[in-house]
Amino acid sequence: MAGLFITFEGGDGSGKSTQAGLLAQWLTEQGRTVVRTREPGGSDVGVEIRNLVLHHRGHIDPRSEALLYAADRAHHIATVVRPALERGDVVIQDRYFDSSVAYQGAGRVLDAKEIRDLSLWATESLLPDVTVLLDLDENVARTRLEAADKPFDRLENEKAEFHSRVRAGFLALAKAEPKRFLVLDATQPIDELAQAIRSRVSHELS
């Protein structure tokens, strides 16, 4: 495809949205057409699924949760991401299938390979060109979220042990695919993180 597919991953509170926004602004200033999106909730169908998986008050079986994320992903890639890449746009996306492997695989203690295979089937094996992983200790992340003074969603409300498994899951993914991942310490200053991300993206664009 002619475009560039960039995803941001990491635990809640790691600063993904901030860095995705800064990168989108910088690329736009460079004359690039940017599509900024997210999962879940990057499409019309996805908004409804997002409300269900993140804000449903009752219990959702872990396998059902994984399937809901995969359903969102299939529709989102088919209707938003692939058309943008085919136009030659740069897609900047907050979360992709690595989040499912980390959250539903490691966090919910499901089979990570099965979760990954499900997402690959749903997306016809579309891989990002670059995945930025903002790594942050789960206790520091919790402090950031509490300081934001916003209601927690279902996943943010999980215990520290859950988020510890999620972090370990992300780091294992990055270790397995070092060429795709850019792993950054999320405690670094915002400007330093932004510069490191720009440097990697510039290399990909060249």
C-alpha atoms as a PDB file:
ATOM      1  CA  MET A   1       0.000   0.000   0.000  1.00  0.00           C
ATOM      2  CA  ALA A   2       1.094   3.565  -0.665  1.00  0.00           C
ATOM      3  CA  GLY A   3       0.334   4.945   2.804  1.00  0.00           C
ATOM      4  CA  LEU A   4       1.979   4.481   6.204  1.00  0.00           C
ATOM      5  CA  PHE A   5       0.293   2.714   9.119  1.00  0.00           C
ATOM      6  CA  ILE A   6       1.450   3.801  12.591  1.00  0.00           C
ATOM      7  CA  THR A   7      -0.025   2.432  15.814  1.00  0.00           C
ATOM      8  CA  PHE A   8       0.418   3.544  19.411  1.00  0.00           C
ATOM      9  CA  GLU A   9       0.338   0.982  22.191  1.00  0.00           C
ATOM     10  CA  GLY A  10       0.819   0.916  25.954  1.00  0.00           C
ATOM     11  CA  GLY A  11      -1.102   0.784  29.183  1.00  0.00           C
ATOM     12  CA  ASP A  12      -3.776   3.279  30.149  1.00  0.00           C
ATOM     13  CA  GLY A  13      -2.212   6.571  31.209  1.00  0.00           C
ATOM     14  CA  SER A  14       0.985   6.113  29.205  1.00  0.00           C
ATOM     15  CA  GLY A  15       0.385   9.152  26.993  1.00  0.00           C
ATOM     16  CA  LYS A  16      -0.621   7.510  23.717  1.00  0.00           C
ATOM     17  CA  SER A  17      -3.241  10.088  22.804  1.00  0.00           C
ATOM     18  CA  THR A  18      -0.884  12.979  23.515  1.00  0.00           C
ATOM     19  CA  GLN A  19       1.902  11.565  21.345  1.00  0.00           C
ATOM     20  CA  ALA A  20      -0.476  10.515  18.565  1.00  0.00           C
ATOM     21  CA  GLY A  21      -1.831  14.050  18.450  1.00  0.00           C
ATOM     22  CA  LEU A  22       1.634  15.625  18.344  1.00  0.00           C
ATOM     23  CA  LEU A  23       2.724  13.284  15.562  1.00  0.00           C
ATOM     24  CA  ALA A  24      -0.417  14.002  13.556  1.00  0.00           C
ATOM     25  CA  GLN A  25       0.157  17.740  13.892  1.00  0.00           C
ATOM     26  CA  TRP A  26       3.805  17.448  12.825  1.00  0.00           C
ATOM     27  CA  LEU A  27       3.014  15.283   9.793  1.00  0.00           C
ATOM     28  CA  THR A  28       0.238  17.640   8.710  1.00  0.00           C
ATOM     29  CA  GLU A  29       2.718  20.515   8.891  1.00  0.00           C
ATOM     30  CA  GLN A  30       5.004  18.465   6.626  1.00  0.00           C
ATOM     31  CA  GLY A  31       2.245  18.346   4.027  1.00  0.00           C
ATOM     32  CA  ARG A  32       1.071  14.802   4.720  1.00  0.00           C
ATOM     33  CA  THR A  33      -2.575  13.786   4.745  1.00  0.00           C
ATOM     34  CA  VAL A  34      -3.200  12.195   8.130  1.00  0.00           C
ATOM     35  CA  VAL A  35      -6.057  10.014   9.330  1.00  0.00           C
ATOM     36  CA  ARG A  36      -6.095   9.790  13.113  1.00  0.00           C
ATOM     37  CA  THR A  37      -8.244   7.024  14.524  1.00  0.00           C
ATOM     38  CA  ARG A  38      -8.569   4.564  17.405  1.00  0.00           C
ATOM     39  CA  GLU A  39      -9.716   1.134  18.471  1.00  0.00           C
ATOM     40  CA  PRO A  40     -12.292   0.483  19.609  1.00  0.00           C
ATOM     41  CA  GLY A  41     -14.481   3.271  18.319  1.00  0.00           C
ATOM     42  CA  GLY A  42     -12.865   4.388  15.076  1.00  0.00           C
ATOM     43  CA  SER A  43     -15.959   3.727  12.980  1.00  0.00           C
ATOM     44  CA  ASP A  44     -19.716   4.068  13.294  1.00  0.00           C
ATOM     45  CA  VAL A  45     -20.064   0.438  14.330  1.00  0.00           C
ATOM     46  CA  GLY A  46     -16.992   0.763  16.534  1.00  0.00           C
ATOM     47  CA  VAL A  47     -18.532   3.538  18.638  1.00  0.00           C
ATOM     48  CA  GLU A  48     -21.318   1.180  19.686  1.00  0.00           C
ATOM     49  CA  ILE A  49     -18.872  -1.645  20.415  1.00  0.00           C
ATOM     50  CA  ARG A  50     -16.645   0.740  22.411  1.00  0.00           C
ATOM     51  CA  ASN A  51     -19.545   1.695  24.651  1.00  0.00           C
ATOM     52  CA  LEU A  52     -20.275  -1.971  25.255  1.00  0.00           C
ATOM     53  CA  VAL A  53     -16.762  -3.240  26.001  1.00  0.00           C
ATOM     54  CA  LEU A  54     -15.558  -0.238  28.014  1.00  0.00           C
ATOM     55  CA  HIS A  55     -18.681   1.020  29.756  1.00  0.00           C
ATOM     56  CA  HIS A  56     -20.967  -1.988  30.212  1.00  0.00           C
ATOM     57  CA  ARG A  57     -21.679  -2.233  33.947  1.00  0.00           C
ATOM     58  CA  GLY A  58     -22.010  -5.989  34.137  1.00  0.00           C
ATOM     59  CA  HIS A  59     -19.602  -8.860  33.562  1.00  0.00           C
ATOM     60  CA  ILE A  60     -18.442  -9.702  30.028  1.00  0.00           C
ATOM     61  CA  ASP A  61     -16.926 -13.131  29.491  1.00  0.00           C
ATOM     62  CA  PRO A  62     -13.249 -12.762  28.428  1.00  0.00           C
ATOM     63  CA  ARG A  63     -13.767 -14.671  25.169  1.00  0.00           C
ATOM     64  CA  SER A  64     -16.805 -12.554  24.339  1.00  0.00           C
ATOM     65  CA  GLU A  65     -14.735  -9.465  25.056  1.00  0.00           C
ATOM     66  CA  ALA A  66     -12.013 -10.649  22.692  1.00  0.00           C
ATOM     67  CA  LEU A  67     -14.552 -11.351  19.951  1.00  0.00           C
ATOM     68  CA  LEU A  68     -16.132  -7.919  20.342  1.00  0.00           C
ATOM     69  CA  TYR A  69     -12.751  -6.239  19.901  1.00  0.00           C
ATOM     70  CA  ALA A  70     -12.078  -8.401  16.840  1.00  0.00           C
ATOM     71  CA  ALA A  71     -15.459  -7.472  15.346  1.00  0.00           C
ATOM     72  CA  ASP A  72     -14.703  -3.783  15.817  1.00  0.00           C
ATOM     73  CA  ARG A  73     -11.279  -4.281  14.280  1.00  0.00           C
ATOM     74  CA  ALA A  74     -12.567  -6.080  11.192  1.00  0.00           C
ATOM     75  CA  HIS A  75     -15.048  -3.318  10.376  1.00  0.00           C
ATOM     76  CA  HIS A  76     -12.625  -0.525  11.221  1.00  0.00           C
ATOM     77  CA  ILE A  77      -9.809  -1.825   9.021  1.00  0.00           C
ATOM     78  CA  ALA A  78     -12.148  -2.524   6.108  1.00  0.00           C
ATOM     79  CA  THR A  79     -13.973   0.805   6.196  1.00  0.00           C
ATOM     80  CA  VAL A  80     -11.442   3.312   7.575  1.00  0.00           C
ATOM     81  CA  VAL A  81      -7.832   2.140   7.569  1.00  0.00           C
ATOM     82  CA  ARG A  82      -7.417   0.257   4.285  1.00  0.00           C
ATOM     83  CA  PRO A  83      -9.147   2.951   2.190  1.00  0.00           C
ATOM     84  CA  ALA A  84      -6.886   5.594   3.777  1.00  0.00           C
ATOM     85  CA  LEU A  85      -3.724   3.594   3.128  1.00  0.00           C
ATOM     86  CA  GLU A  86      -4.769   2.954  -0.453  1.00  0.00           C
ATOM     87  CA  ARG A  87      -5.144   6.725  -0.917  1.00  0.00           C
ATOM     88  CA  GLY A  88      -1.580   7.161   0.328  1.00  0.00           C
ATOM     89  CA  ASP A  89      -2.528   8.711   3.672  1.00  0.00           C
ATOM     90  CA  VAL A  90      -0.671   8.301   6.941  1.00  0.00           C
ATOM     91  CA  VAL A  91      -2.868   6.476   9.453  1.00  0.00           C
ATOM     92  CA  ILE A  92      -2.129   7.142  13.119  1.00  0.00           C
ATOM     93  CA  GLN A  93      -4.069   4.777  15.307  1.00  0.00           C
ATOM     94  CA  ASP A  94      -4.494   4.576  19.073  1.00  0.00           C
ATOM     95  CA  ARG A  95      -4.382   0.797  19.800  1.00  0.00           C
ATOM     96  CA  TYR A  96      -4.542  -2.152  17.420  1.00  0.00           C
ATOM     97  CA  PHE A  97      -4.330  -5.926  17.754  1.00  0.00           C
ATOM     98  CA  ASP A  98      -1.290  -5.773  20.066  1.00  0.00           C
ATOM     99  CA  SER A  99      -3.664  -4.353  22.676  1.00  0.00           C
ATOM    100  CA  SER A 100      -5.897  -7.397  22.322  1.00  0.00           C
ATOM    101  CA  VAL A 101      -2.943  -9.738  22.736  1.00  0.00           C
ATOM    102  CA  ALA A 102      -1.819  -7.805  25.832  1.00  0.00           C
ATOM    103  CA  TYR A 103      -5.200  -7.131  27.447  1.00  0.00           C
ATOM    104  CA  GLN A 104      -7.264 -10.163  26.519  1.00  0.00           C
ATOM    105  CA  GLY A 105      -4.304 -12.525  26.092  1.00  0.00           C
ATOM    106  CA  ALA A 106      -2.015 -11.635  28.984  1.00  0.00           C
ATOM    107  CA  GLY A 107      -4.457  -9.633  31.097  1.00  0.00           C
ATOM    108  CA  ARG A 108      -7.422 -12.028  30.854  1.00  0.00           C
ATOM    109  CA  VAL A 109      -5.066 -15.026  30.672  1.00  0.00           C
ATOM    110  CA  LEU A 110      -6.330 -16.286  27.323  1.00  0.00           C
ATOM    111  CA  ASP A 111      -4.105 -17.892  24.682  1.00  0.00           C
ATOM    112  CA  ALA A 112      -2.070 -15.039  23.172  1.00  0.00           C
ATOM    113  CA  LYS A 113      -1.538 -16.820  19.854  1.00  0.00           C
ATOM    114  CA  GLU A 114      -5.248 -17.483  19.451  1.00  0.00           C
ATOM    115  CA  ILE A 115      -6.021 -13.823  20.155  1.00  0.00           C
ATOM    116  CA  ARG A 116      -3.407 -12.680  17.640  1.00  0.00           C
ATOM    117  CA  ASP A 117      -4.606 -15.163  15.005  1.00  0.00           C
ATOM    118  CA  LEU A 118      -8.193 -13.966  15.483  1.00  0.00           C
ATOM    119  CA  SER A 119      -7.156 -10.369  14.823  1.00  0.00           C
ATOM    120  CA  LEU A 120      -5.040 -11.308  11.825  1.00  0.00           C
ATOM    121  CA  TRP A 121      -8.011 -13.137  10.337  1.00  0.00           C
ATOM    122  CA  ALA A 122     -10.300 -10.172  11.069  1.00  0.00           C
ATOM    123  CA  THR A 123      -7.925  -7.721   9.368  1.00  0.00           C
ATOM    124  CA  GLU A 124      -6.687  -9.934   6.542  1.00  0.00           C
ATOM    125  CA  SER A 125      -3.228  -9.868   8.193  1.00  0.00           C
ATOM    126  CA  LEU A 126      -2.696  -6.118   8.021  1.00  0.00           C
ATOM    127  CA  LEU A 127       0.391  -5.222  10.096  1.00  0.00           C
ATOM    128  CA  PRO A 128       1.447  -1.697  11.098  1.00  0.00           C
ATOM    129  CA  ASP A 129       4.616  -0.255   9.572  1.00  0.00           C
ATOM    130  CA  VAL A 130       5.569   1.156  12.984  1.00  0.00           C
ATOM    131  CA  THR A 131       4.235   0.428  16.449  1.00  0.00           C
ATOM    132  CA  VAL A 132       5.182   2.894  19.179  1.00  0.00           C
ATOM    133  CA  LEU A 133       5.039   1.272  22.615  1.00  0.00           C
ATOM    134  CA  LEU A 134       4.974   3.767  25.481  1.00  0.00           C
ATOM    135  CA  ASP A 135       6.115   1.667  28.413  1.00  0.00           C
ATOM    136  CA  LEU A 136       5.045   2.727  31.901  1.00  0.00           C
ATOM    137  CA  ASP A 137       4.962   1.065  35.297  1.00  0.00           C
ATOM    138  CA  GLU A 138       1.376   0.207  36.133  1.00  0.00           C
ATOM    139  CA  ASN A 139       1.507   2.004  39.503  1.00  0.00           C
ATOM    140  CA  VAL A 140       2.751   5.223  37.891  1.00  0.00           C
ATOM    141  CA  ALA A 141       0.023   4.855  35.270  1.00  0.00           C
ATOM    142  CA  ARG A 142      -2.592   4.518  38.019  1.00  0.00           C
ATOM    143  CA  THR A 143      -1.382   7.720  39.639  1.00  0.00           C
ATOM    144  CA  ARG A 144      -1.660   9.554  36.314  1.00  0.00           C
ATOM    145  CA  LEU A 145      -5.189   8.302  35.748  1.00  0.00           C
ATOM    146  CA  GLU A 146      -6.296   9.314  39.227  1.00  0.00           C
ATOM    147  CA  ALA A 147      -4.796  12.777  38.724  1.00  0.00           C
ATOM    148  CA  ALA A 148      -6.843  13.186  35.546  1.00  0.00           C
ATOM    149  CA  ASP A 149      -9.973  12.968  37.724  1.00  0.00           C
ATOM    150  CA  LYS A 150     -12.079  11.165  35.118  1.00  0.00           C
ATOM    151  CA  PRO A 151     -14.323   8.108  35.571  1.00  0.00           C
ATOM    152  CA  PHE A 152     -12.457   4.834  34.986  1.00  0.00           C
ATOM    153  CA  ASP A 153     -13.668   2.456  32.291  1.00  0.00           C
ATOM    154  CA  ARG A 154     -13.915  -1.326  32.738  1.00  0.00           C
ATOM    155  CA  LEU A 155     -10.266  -2.019  31.929  1.00  0.00           C
ATOM    156  CA  GLU A 156      -8.870   0.923  33.869  1.00  0.00           C
ATOM    157  CA  ASN A 157     -10.771  -0.378  36.899  1.00  0.00           C
ATOM    158  CA  GLU A 158      -8.908  -3.706  36.860  1.00  0.00           C
ATOM    159  CA  LYS A 159      -6.471  -4.488  39.665  1.00  0.00           C
ATOM    160  CA  ALA A 160      -2.722  -3.828  39.553  1.00  0.00           C
ATOM    161  CA  GLU A 161      -1.992  -7.517  38.880  1.00  0.00           C
ATOM    162  CA  PHE A 162      -4.018  -7.333  35.677  1.00  0.00           C
ATOM    163  CA  HIS A 163      -2.163  -4.241  34.455  1.00  0.00           C
ATOM    164  CA  SER A 164       1.173  -5.813  35.383  1.00  0.00           C
ATOM    165  CA  ARG A 165       0.360  -8.769  33.121  1.00  0.00           C
ATOM    166  CA  VAL A 166      -0.698  -6.370  30.363  1.00  0.00           C
ATOM    167  CA  ARG A 167       2.599  -4.480  30.569  1.00  0.00           C
ATOM    168  CA  ALA A 168       4.567  -7.736  30.447  1.00  0.00           C
ATOM    169  CA  GLY A 169       2.487  -8.800  27.449  1.00  0.00           C
ATOM    170  CA  PHE A 170       3.331  -5.619  25.547  1.00  0.00           C
ATOM    171  CA  LEU A 171       7.041  -5.945  26.281  1.00  0.00           C
ATOM    172  CA  ALA A 172       7.015  -9.570  25.132  1.00  0.00           C
ATOM    173  CA  LEU A 173       5.412  -8.514  21.838  1.00  0.00           C
ATOM    174  CA  ALA A 174       8.036  -5.821  21.320  1.00  0.00           C
ATOM    175  CA  LYS A 175      10.845  -8.271  22.034  1.00  0.00           C
ATOM    176  CA  ALA A 176       9.419 -10.694  19.467  1.00  0.00           C
ATOM    177  CA  GLU A 177       9.156  -8.016  16.726  1.00  0.00           C
ATOM    178  CA  PRO A 178      11.944  -5.475  17.344  1.00  0.00           C
ATOM    179  CA  LYS A 179      11.886  -4.152  13.767  1.00  0.00           C
ATOM    180  CA  ARG A 180       8.244  -3.083  14.011  1.00  0.00           C
ATOM    181  CA  PHE A 181       8.271  -1.748  17.561  1.00  0.00           C
ATOM    182  CA  LEU A 182       9.748   1.469  18.917  1.00  0.00           C
ATOM    183  CA  VAL A 183       9.779   1.074  22.700  1.00  0.00           C
ATOM    184  CA  LEU A 184      10.023   4.285  24.718  1.00  0.00           C
ATOM    185  CA  ASP A 185      10.100   5.028  28.432  1.00  0.00           C
ATOM    186  CA  ALA A 186       6.844   6.928  28.945  1.00  0.00           C
ATOM    187  CA  THR A 187       8.275   8.826  31.934  1.00  0.00           C
ATOM    188  CA  GLN A 188      10.511  10.843  29.594  1.00  0.00           C
ATOM    189  CA  PRO A 189       9.521  14.472  28.848  1.00  0.00           C
ATOM    190  CA  ILE A 190       6.773  14.827  26.251  1.00  0.00           C
ATOM    191  CA  ASP A 191       9.021  16.716  23.819  1.00  0.00           C
ATOM    192  CA  GLU A 192      11.759  14.073  23.969  1.00  0.00           C
ATOM    193  CA  LEU A 193       9.275  11.307  23.275  1.00  0.00           C
ATOM    194  CA  ALA A 194       7.818  13.267  20.376  1.00  0.00           C
ATOM    195  CA  GLN A 195      11.256  13.787  18.849  1.00  0.00           C
ATOM    196  CA  ALA A 196      12.130  10.093  19.081  1.00  0.00           C
ATOM    197  CA  ILE A 197       8.854   9.201  17.389  1.00  0.00           C
ATOM    198  CA  ARG A 198       9.362  11.759  14.624  1.00  0.00           C
ATOM    199  CA  SER A 199      12.840  10.416  13.957  1.00  0.00           C
ATOM    200  CA  ARG A 200      11.529   6.880  13.504  1.00  0.00           C
ATOM    201  CA  VAL A 201       8.618   7.964  11.326  1.00  0.00           C
ATOM    202  CA  SER A 202      10.895  10.137   9.175  1.00  0.00           C
ATOM    203  CA  HIS A 203      13.066   7.090   8.554  1.00  0.00           C
ATOM    204  CA  GLU A 204      10.024   5.075   7.461  1.00  0.00           C
ATOM    205  CA  LEU A 205       8.809   7.836   5.151  1.00  0.00           C
ATOM    206  CA  SER A 206      12.216   8.155   3.504  1.00  0.00           C
END
